[in-house]
Structure formats: structure tokens, C-alpha cells
């Protein structure tokens, strides 16, 4: 096999950590994580990346989830190996004892980033509502607060949730939604299995 990794940009640190651990050096292609907000645009970007791949790569290792249908009916003449998960959060919630397509719980926001300040719900809100008048912004803010009750910090073994910086960022985000901070066990297991070639068909689509 001549492999190349295609990944969501939100998982850059995780892909590189797995490659270091496994001693591999596969080329990496990253999709803009901002495209999560528009699955159709994400799908178009995937198709464009696939069309431009050099011919020598016969196997695509996909380090991301289904992501709102972005991978629906995507076809290529190369082998595609993709985790059986709905998104990147569920991917990192997989451990040796937990597996499933969607491992998230309702009312939670999941903080999995290696750099804790990459997760900032207030910054996302301000970007989303920047063109709105104050009354509309307040209505949306109230809706978001009503929808979420906790910031779940996912300890993947790659990030550092025990540092004061990480705890401070988690508490800041929890305060913004008037919620609490929870801690969950995660891992980089699926990305490591993807890159190592350990493709259990219960965990991966192989197309």
C-alpha cells in the first residue's frame, strides 16, 4: 500500500502524534475545520482534494468522521479507510472499552483541543452574530445557553487537561453558558489504529 492521510484540520495534532508514536511518515492533507459549519462545502473540498491527489497513492486513510454527511456517496478508484463515527468528537471519545457511531451526550459541548484556547464558545458566538443587532444576538445567546449545561473536557492522552491553563479555559467556557465542567476519558486509539493498518471492520468503513 502507498498511503496518504486526509484529515480534518481540527485533528492535526492528533494525526501527527499518532505518526510519531507509530514511526510512520505518511503525507498529510488537511481540510479546513471551519467547513464543519457547511457540510456541502466540506464535501466539495473533499472531492477537490481527491481529484488532485498524485496517482501513486492507492490508499486513503481518513482521519475524521462522517461530518454532517460530507462523505455521503463519495467515490474514488482508491481504497478509502474511514472511522465509523459521526464526527471528530466521537472519534476521540473511543477507548478500548467504549465504541460507537455517536458517543456524545445531549446538552454537552466537548473540549478536546491540544491548545485549550482553540476552544472558545464566546468567540464562535461573536463571529456567528457579528452582523446582527443586539436584540437578535441576545435571543441567540439565550438559546445557546438553554441548549448546553456542561463543558466536557475530553482527556485524550494527547492534550493536557490537568494544567492550570486548560482548567481556566474550560471554566471560562462553562461560565459563558452558565454551566459546569465535566471530565471524560477519551483516546487517540482510532487514529492510531487507522494509521497502523489495524482496520477492524466494526470500527472502520473500508471501501
C-alpha atoms as a PDB file:
ATOM      1  CA  UNK A   1       0.000   0.000   0.000  1.00  0.00           C
ATOM      2  CA  UNK A   2       1.021   3.564  -0.659  1.00  0.00           C
ATOM      3  CA  UNK A   3      -0.946   5.556   1.917  1.00  0.00           C
ATOM      4  CA  UNK A   4      -1.838   9.194   2.325  1.00  0.00           C
ATOM      5  CA  UNK A   5      -3.783  10.699   5.241  1.00  0.00           C
ATOM      6  CA  UNK A   6      -6.684  13.084   4.726  1.00  0.00           C
ATOM      7  CA  UNK A   7      -7.823  14.699   7.962  1.00  0.00           C
ATOM      8  CA  UNK A   8      -9.953  17.445   9.417  1.00  0.00           C
ATOM      9  CA  UNK A   9      -7.762  20.372  10.435  1.00  0.00           C
ATOM     10  CA  UNK A  10      -9.104  20.089  13.990  1.00  0.00           C
ATOM     11  CA  UNK A  11      -7.229  16.777  14.317  1.00  0.00           C
ATOM     12  CA  UNK A  12      -3.816  17.934  13.092  1.00  0.00           C
ATOM     13  CA  UNK A  13      -2.112  17.448  16.474  1.00  0.00           C
ATOM     14  CA  UNK A  14      -3.686  14.012  16.866  1.00  0.00           C
ATOM     15  CA  UNK A  15      -2.624  12.742  13.446  1.00  0.00           C
ATOM     16  CA  UNK A  16       0.927  13.930  13.997  1.00  0.00           C
ATOM     17  CA  UNK A  17       1.066  12.412  17.494  1.00  0.00           C
ATOM     18  CA  UNK A  18      -0.068   9.058  16.080  1.00  0.00           C
ATOM     19  CA  UNK A  19       2.523   9.194  13.286  1.00  0.00           C
ATOM     20  CA  UNK A  20       5.272   9.939  15.826  1.00  0.00           C
ATOM     21  CA  UNK A  21       4.144   7.084  18.072  1.00  0.00           C
ATOM     22  CA  UNK A  22       3.942   4.582  15.216  1.00  0.00           C
ATOM     23  CA  UNK A  23       7.070   5.746  13.404  1.00  0.00           C
ATOM     24  CA  UNK A  24       5.204   6.398  10.156  1.00  0.00           C
ATOM     25  CA  UNK A  25       5.694   9.291   7.791  1.00  0.00           C
ATOM     26  CA  UNK A  26       2.647   9.289   5.546  1.00  0.00           C
ATOM     27  CA  UNK A  27       1.870  12.533   3.696  1.00  0.00           C
ATOM     28  CA  UNK A  28      -0.930  14.529   5.333  1.00  0.00           C
ATOM     29  CA  UNK A  29      -3.674  16.580   3.690  1.00  0.00           C
ATOM     30  CA  UNK A  30      -5.884  18.755   5.893  1.00  0.00           C
ATOM     31  CA  UNK A  31      -9.393  20.054   5.317  1.00  0.00           C
ATOM     32  CA  UNK A  32     -10.374  23.447   6.715  1.00  0.00           C
ATOM     33  CA  UNK A  33     -12.094  22.777  10.053  1.00  0.00           C
ATOM     34  CA  UNK A  34     -14.289  25.853   9.524  1.00  0.00           C
ATOM     35  CA  UNK A  35     -16.131  23.865   6.835  1.00  0.00           C
ATOM     36  CA  UNK A  36     -17.839  21.843   9.583  1.00  0.00           C
ATOM     37  CA  UNK A  37     -20.463  24.583   9.573  1.00  0.00           C
ATOM     38  CA  UNK A  38     -21.319  23.779   5.939  1.00  0.00           C
ATOM     39  CA  UNK A  39     -21.284  20.040   5.118  1.00  0.00           C
ATOM     40  CA  UNK A  40     -21.932  20.730   1.427  1.00  0.00           C
ATOM     41  CA  UNK A  41     -18.833  22.924   1.263  1.00  0.00           C
ATOM     42  CA  UNK A  42     -16.853  20.302   3.206  1.00  0.00           C
ATOM     43  CA  UNK A  43     -17.963  17.632   0.717  1.00  0.00           C
ATOM     44  CA  UNK A  44     -16.896  19.831  -2.202  1.00  0.00           C
ATOM     45  CA  UNK A  45     -13.486  20.349  -0.596  1.00  0.00           C
ATOM     46  CA  UNK A  46     -13.131  16.575  -0.105  1.00  0.00           C
ATOM     47  CA  UNK A  47     -13.916  15.951  -3.773  1.00  0.00           C
ATOM     48  CA  UNK A  48     -11.442  18.619  -4.873  1.00  0.00           C
ATOM     49  CA  UNK A  49      -8.691  17.118  -2.694  1.00  0.00           C
ATOM     50  CA  UNK A  50      -9.405  13.635  -4.032  1.00  0.00           C
ATOM     51  CA  UNK A  51      -9.258  14.853  -7.630  1.00  0.00           C
ATOM     52  CA  UNK A  52      -5.846  16.428  -7.097  1.00  0.00           C
ATOM     53  CA  UNK A  53      -4.138  13.501  -5.361  1.00  0.00           C
ATOM     54  CA  UNK A  54      -0.995  12.158  -7.050  1.00  0.00           C
ATOM     55  CA  UNK A  55      -1.616   8.851  -8.795  1.00  0.00           C
ATOM     56  CA  UNK A  56       0.923   6.894  -6.731  1.00  0.00           C
ATOM     57  CA  UNK A  57      -1.276   6.919  -3.598  1.00  0.00           C
ATOM     58  CA  UNK A  58      -3.614   3.939  -3.668  1.00  0.00           C
ATOM     59  CA  UNK A  59      -4.928   4.062  -0.073  1.00  0.00           C
ATOM     60  CA  UNK A  60      -6.600   6.984   1.684  1.00  0.00           C
ATOM     61  CA  UNK A  61      -6.619   6.997   5.493  1.00  0.00           C
ATOM     62  CA  UNK A  62      -9.418   9.341   6.556  1.00  0.00           C
ATOM     63  CA  UNK A  63      -8.905  10.892   9.999  1.00  0.00           C
ATOM     64  CA  UNK A  64     -12.339  12.431  10.554  1.00  0.00           C
ATOM     65  CA  UNK A  65     -15.960  11.435  10.968  1.00  0.00           C
ATOM     66  CA  UNK A  66     -18.931  11.484   8.598  1.00  0.00           C
ATOM     67  CA  UNK A  67     -19.289  15.175   9.499  1.00  0.00           C
ATOM     68  CA  UNK A  68     -22.864  16.043   8.617  1.00  0.00           C
ATOM     69  CA  UNK A  69     -22.940  13.867   5.516  1.00  0.00           C
ATOM     70  CA  UNK A  70     -19.732  15.214   3.986  1.00  0.00           C
ATOM     71  CA  UNK A  71     -18.683  11.702   2.949  1.00  0.00           C
ATOM     72  CA  UNK A  72     -22.054  10.601   1.576  1.00  0.00           C
ATOM     73  CA  UNK A  73     -21.643   8.916  -1.839  1.00  0.00           C
ATOM     74  CA  UNK A  74     -18.002   9.987  -2.159  1.00  0.00           C
ATOM     75  CA  UNK A  75     -16.381   7.570  -4.591  1.00  0.00           C
ATOM     76  CA  UNK A  76     -12.849   7.088  -5.871  1.00  0.00           C
ATOM     77  CA  UNK A  77     -10.879   4.291  -7.518  1.00  0.00           C
ATOM     78  CA  UNK A  78      -8.568   4.185  -4.477  1.00  0.00           C
ATOM     79  CA  UNK A  79      -9.135   2.340  -1.210  1.00  0.00           C
ATOM     80  CA  UNK A  80     -10.706   4.529   1.481  1.00  0.00           C
ATOM     81  CA  UNK A  81     -10.476   3.624   5.171  1.00  0.00           C
ATOM     82  CA  UNK A  82     -12.678   5.789   7.404  1.00  0.00           C
ATOM     83  CA  UNK A  83     -13.718   5.505  11.076  1.00  0.00           C
ATOM     84  CA  UNK A  84     -17.341   4.555  11.776  1.00  0.00           C
ATOM     85  CA  UNK A  85     -18.099   7.753  13.697  1.00  0.00           C
ATOM     86  CA  UNK A  86     -20.360  10.732  13.172  1.00  0.00           C
ATOM     87  CA  UNK A  87     -17.747  13.391  13.899  1.00  0.00           C
ATOM     88  CA  UNK A  88     -14.310  14.154  15.336  1.00  0.00           C
ATOM     89  CA  UNK A  89     -15.571  14.316  18.929  1.00  0.00           C
ATOM     90  CA  UNK A  90     -16.927  10.756  18.830  1.00  0.00           C
ATOM     91  CA  UNK A  91     -13.671   9.692  17.177  1.00  0.00           C
ATOM     92  CA  UNK A  92     -11.675  10.906  20.193  1.00  0.00           C
ATOM     93  CA  UNK A  93     -14.176   9.518  22.719  1.00  0.00           C
ATOM     94  CA  UNK A  94     -13.365   5.972  21.586  1.00  0.00           C
ATOM     95  CA  UNK A  95     -11.360   3.910  24.057  1.00  0.00           C
ATOM     96  CA  UNK A  96     -10.635   0.194  24.449  1.00  0.00           C
ATOM     97  CA  UNK A  97     -13.897  -0.135  26.387  1.00  0.00           C
ATOM     98  CA  UNK A  98     -16.191   2.269  24.519  1.00  0.00           C
ATOM     99  CA  UNK A  99     -17.107   2.319  20.865  1.00  0.00           C
ATOM    100  CA  UNK A 100     -20.000   3.628  18.835  1.00  0.00           C
ATOM    101  CA  UNK A 101     -21.050   5.853  15.963  1.00  0.00           C
ATOM    102  CA  UNK A 102     -22.108   8.733  18.222  1.00  0.00           C
ATOM    103  CA  UNK A 103     -20.709   8.784  21.769  1.00  0.00           C
ATOM    104  CA  UNK A 104     -21.798  12.312  22.641  1.00  0.00           C
ATOM    105  CA  UNK A 105     -24.496  13.275  25.141  1.00  0.00           C
ATOM    106  CA  UNK A 106     -27.162  15.902  24.659  1.00  0.00           C
ATOM    107  CA  UNK A 107     -26.514  19.279  26.254  1.00  0.00           C
ATOM    108  CA  UNK A 108     -22.734  18.973  26.253  1.00  0.00           C
ATOM    109  CA  UNK A 109     -20.005  20.883  24.436  1.00  0.00           C
ATOM    110  CA  UNK A 110     -16.799  18.917  24.054  1.00  0.00           C
ATOM    111  CA  UNK A 111     -13.343  20.396  24.605  1.00  0.00           C
ATOM    112  CA  UNK A 112     -10.720  18.149  23.016  1.00  0.00           C
ATOM    113  CA  UNK A 113      -8.190  20.612  21.630  1.00  0.00           C
ATOM    114  CA  UNK A 114      -4.482  20.327  22.382  1.00  0.00           C
ATOM    115  CA  UNK A 115      -4.280  24.120  22.653  1.00  0.00           C
ATOM    116  CA  UNK A 116      -7.077  24.982  25.102  1.00  0.00           C
ATOM    117  CA  UNK A 117      -7.689  28.494  23.792  1.00  0.00           C
ATOM    118  CA  UNK A 118      -8.625  26.981  20.406  1.00  0.00           C
ATOM    119  CA  UNK A 119     -11.957  26.206  22.088  1.00  0.00           C
ATOM    120  CA  UNK A 120     -13.869  29.405  22.806  1.00  0.00           C
ATOM    121  CA  UNK A 121     -17.667  29.356  22.612  1.00  0.00           C
ATOM    122  CA  UNK A 122     -17.893  33.120  23.091  1.00  0.00           C
ATOM    123  CA  UNK A 123     -15.562  33.724  20.144  1.00  0.00           C
ATOM    124  CA  UNK A 124     -17.673  31.416  17.980  1.00  0.00           C
ATOM    125  CA  UNK A 125     -20.812  33.238  19.085  1.00  0.00           C
ATOM    126  CA  UNK A 126     -19.377  36.666  18.311  1.00  0.00           C
ATOM    127  CA  UNK A 127     -18.289  35.542  14.856  1.00  0.00           C
ATOM    128  CA  UNK A 128     -21.677  33.972  14.143  1.00  0.00           C
ATOM    129  CA  UNK A 129     -23.663  37.039  15.277  1.00  0.00           C
ATOM    130  CA  UNK A 130     -21.347  39.871  14.258  1.00  0.00           C
ATOM    131  CA  UNK A 131     -23.781  41.252  11.668  1.00  0.00           C
ATOM    132  CA  UNK A 132     -26.808  41.016  13.953  1.00  0.00           C
ATOM    133  CA  UNK A 133     -28.461  43.655  16.055  1.00  0.00           C
ATOM    134  CA  UNK A 134     -28.177  43.367  19.824  1.00  0.00           C
ATOM    135  CA  UNK A 135     -31.730  42.052  20.381  1.00  0.00           C
ATOM    136  CA  UNK A 136     -31.192  39.204  17.919  1.00  0.00           C
ATOM    137  CA  UNK A 137     -27.801  38.426  19.449  1.00  0.00           C
ATOM    138  CA  UNK A 138     -29.294  38.205  22.939  1.00  0.00           C
ATOM    139  CA  UNK A 139     -32.014  35.871  21.710  1.00  0.00           C
ATOM    140  CA  UNK A 140     -29.459  33.521  20.164  1.00  0.00           C
ATOM    141  CA  UNK A 141     -27.227  33.708  23.228  1.00  0.00           C
ATOM    142  CA  UNK A 142     -30.161  32.720  25.440  1.00  0.00           C
ATOM    143  CA  UNK A 143     -30.940  29.839  23.084  1.00  0.00           C
ATOM    144  CA  UNK A 144     -27.367  28.558  23.209  1.00  0.00           C
ATOM    145  CA  UNK A 145     -27.304  28.768  26.993  1.00  0.00           C
ATOM    146  CA  UNK A 146     -30.572  26.863  27.189  1.00  0.00           C
ATOM    147  CA  UNK A 147     -29.183  24.154  24.895  1.00  0.00           C
ATOM    148  CA  UNK A 148     -25.999  23.379  26.847  1.00  0.00           C
ATOM    149  CA  UNK A 149     -25.396  22.626  30.502  1.00  0.00           C
ATOM    150  CA  UNK A 150     -21.768  21.461  30.566  1.00  0.00           C
ATOM    151  CA  UNK A 151     -18.349  21.746  29.009  1.00  0.00           C
ATOM    152  CA  UNK A 152     -16.944  18.224  28.751  1.00  0.00           C
ATOM    153  CA  UNK A 153     -13.167  18.136  28.812  1.00  0.00           C
ATOM    154  CA  UNK A 154     -12.025  15.021  26.921  1.00  0.00           C
ATOM    155  CA  UNK A 155      -8.750  13.641  28.272  1.00  0.00           C
ATOM    156  CA  UNK A 156      -7.288  12.067  25.144  1.00  0.00           C
ATOM    157  CA  UNK A 157      -3.759  11.493  26.446  1.00  0.00           C
ATOM    158  CA  UNK A 158      -2.547  13.967  23.830  1.00  0.00           C
ATOM    159  CA  UNK A 159      -3.953  17.169  25.295  1.00  0.00           C
ATOM    160  CA  UNK A 160      -3.130  18.391  28.841  1.00  0.00           C
ATOM    161  CA  UNK A 161      -6.402  18.934  30.739  1.00  0.00           C
ATOM    162  CA  UNK A 162      -4.693  18.940  34.152  1.00  0.00           C
ATOM    163  CA  UNK A 163      -2.778  22.147  33.507  1.00  0.00           C
ATOM    164  CA  UNK A 164      -3.989  25.389  35.050  1.00  0.00           C
ATOM    165  CA  UNK A 165      -4.293  26.945  31.572  1.00  0.00           C
ATOM    166  CA  UNK A 166      -6.597  24.170  30.387  1.00  0.00           C
ATOM    167  CA  UNK A 167      -8.747  24.300  33.523  1.00  0.00           C
ATOM    168  CA  UNK A 168      -9.015  28.088  33.247  1.00  0.00           C
ATOM    169  CA  UNK A 169     -10.224  27.878  29.625  1.00  0.00           C
ATOM    170  CA  UNK A 170     -12.730  25.153  30.483  1.00  0.00           C
ATOM    171  CA  UNK A 171     -14.100  27.175  33.404  1.00  0.00           C
ATOM    172  CA  UNK A 172     -14.351  30.309  31.236  1.00  0.00           C
ATOM    173  CA  UNK A 173     -16.418  28.460  28.632  1.00  0.00           C
ATOM    174  CA  UNK A 174     -18.601  26.850  31.287  1.00  0.00           C
ATOM    175  CA  UNK A 175     -19.233  30.258  32.833  1.00  0.00           C
ATOM    176  CA  UNK A 176     -20.369  31.651  29.478  1.00  0.00           C
ATOM    177  CA  UNK A 177     -23.115  29.011  29.183  1.00  0.00           C
ATOM    178  CA  UNK A 178     -23.872  29.163  32.940  1.00  0.00           C
ATOM    179  CA  UNK A 179     -22.899  25.509  33.100  1.00  0.00           C
ATOM    180  CA  UNK A 180     -20.406  23.188  34.739  1.00  0.00           C
ATOM    181  CA  UNK A 181     -17.184  21.440  33.739  1.00  0.00           C
ATOM    182  CA  UNK A 182     -17.186  17.662  33.352  1.00  0.00           C
ATOM    183  CA  UNK A 183     -14.285  15.326  32.605  1.00  0.00           C
ATOM    184  CA  UNK A 184     -14.394  12.380  30.215  1.00  0.00           C
ATOM    185  CA  UNK A 185     -11.889   9.730  29.225  1.00  0.00           C
ATOM    186  CA  UNK A 186     -11.000   9.634  25.535  1.00  0.00           C
ATOM    187  CA  UNK A 187      -8.041   8.472  23.480  1.00  0.00           C
ATOM    188  CA  UNK A 188      -6.229   8.677  20.162  1.00  0.00           C
ATOM    189  CA  UNK A 189      -6.955   4.984  19.645  1.00  0.00           C
ATOM    190  CA  UNK A 190      -8.921   5.187  16.392  1.00  0.00           C
ATOM    191  CA  UNK A 191      -6.385   7.392  14.634  1.00  0.00           C
ATOM    192  CA  UNK A 192      -3.568   5.108  15.781  1.00  0.00           C
ATOM    193  CA  UNK A 193      -5.453   2.044  14.504  1.00  0.00           C
ATOM    194  CA  UNK A 194      -6.197   3.841  11.240  1.00  0.00           C
ATOM    195  CA  UNK A 195      -2.547   4.656  10.628  1.00  0.00           C
ATOM    196  CA  UNK A 196      -1.191   1.305  11.838  1.00  0.00           C
ATOM    197  CA  UNK A 197      -3.411  -0.701   9.457  1.00  0.00           C
ATOM    198  CA  UNK A 198      -5.378  -2.363  12.281  1.00  0.00           C
ATOM    199  CA  UNK A 199      -8.712  -1.986  10.477  1.00  0.00           C
ATOM    200  CA  UNK A 200     -11.362  -3.851  12.426  1.00  0.00           C
ATOM    201  CA  UNK A 201     -14.479  -3.588  10.249  1.00  0.00           C
ATOM    202  CA  UNK A 202     -16.575  -2.932  13.371  1.00  0.00           C
ATOM    203  CA  UNK A 203     -14.636   0.330  13.729  1.00  0.00           C
ATOM    204  CA  UNK A 204     -13.832   1.292  10.124  1.00  0.00           C
ATOM    205  CA  UNK A 205     -15.505   1.542   6.757  1.00  0.00           C
ATOM    206  CA  UNK A 206     -13.204   0.013   4.141  1.00  0.00           C
ATOM    207  CA  UNK A 207     -14.295   0.968   0.649  1.00  0.00           C
END
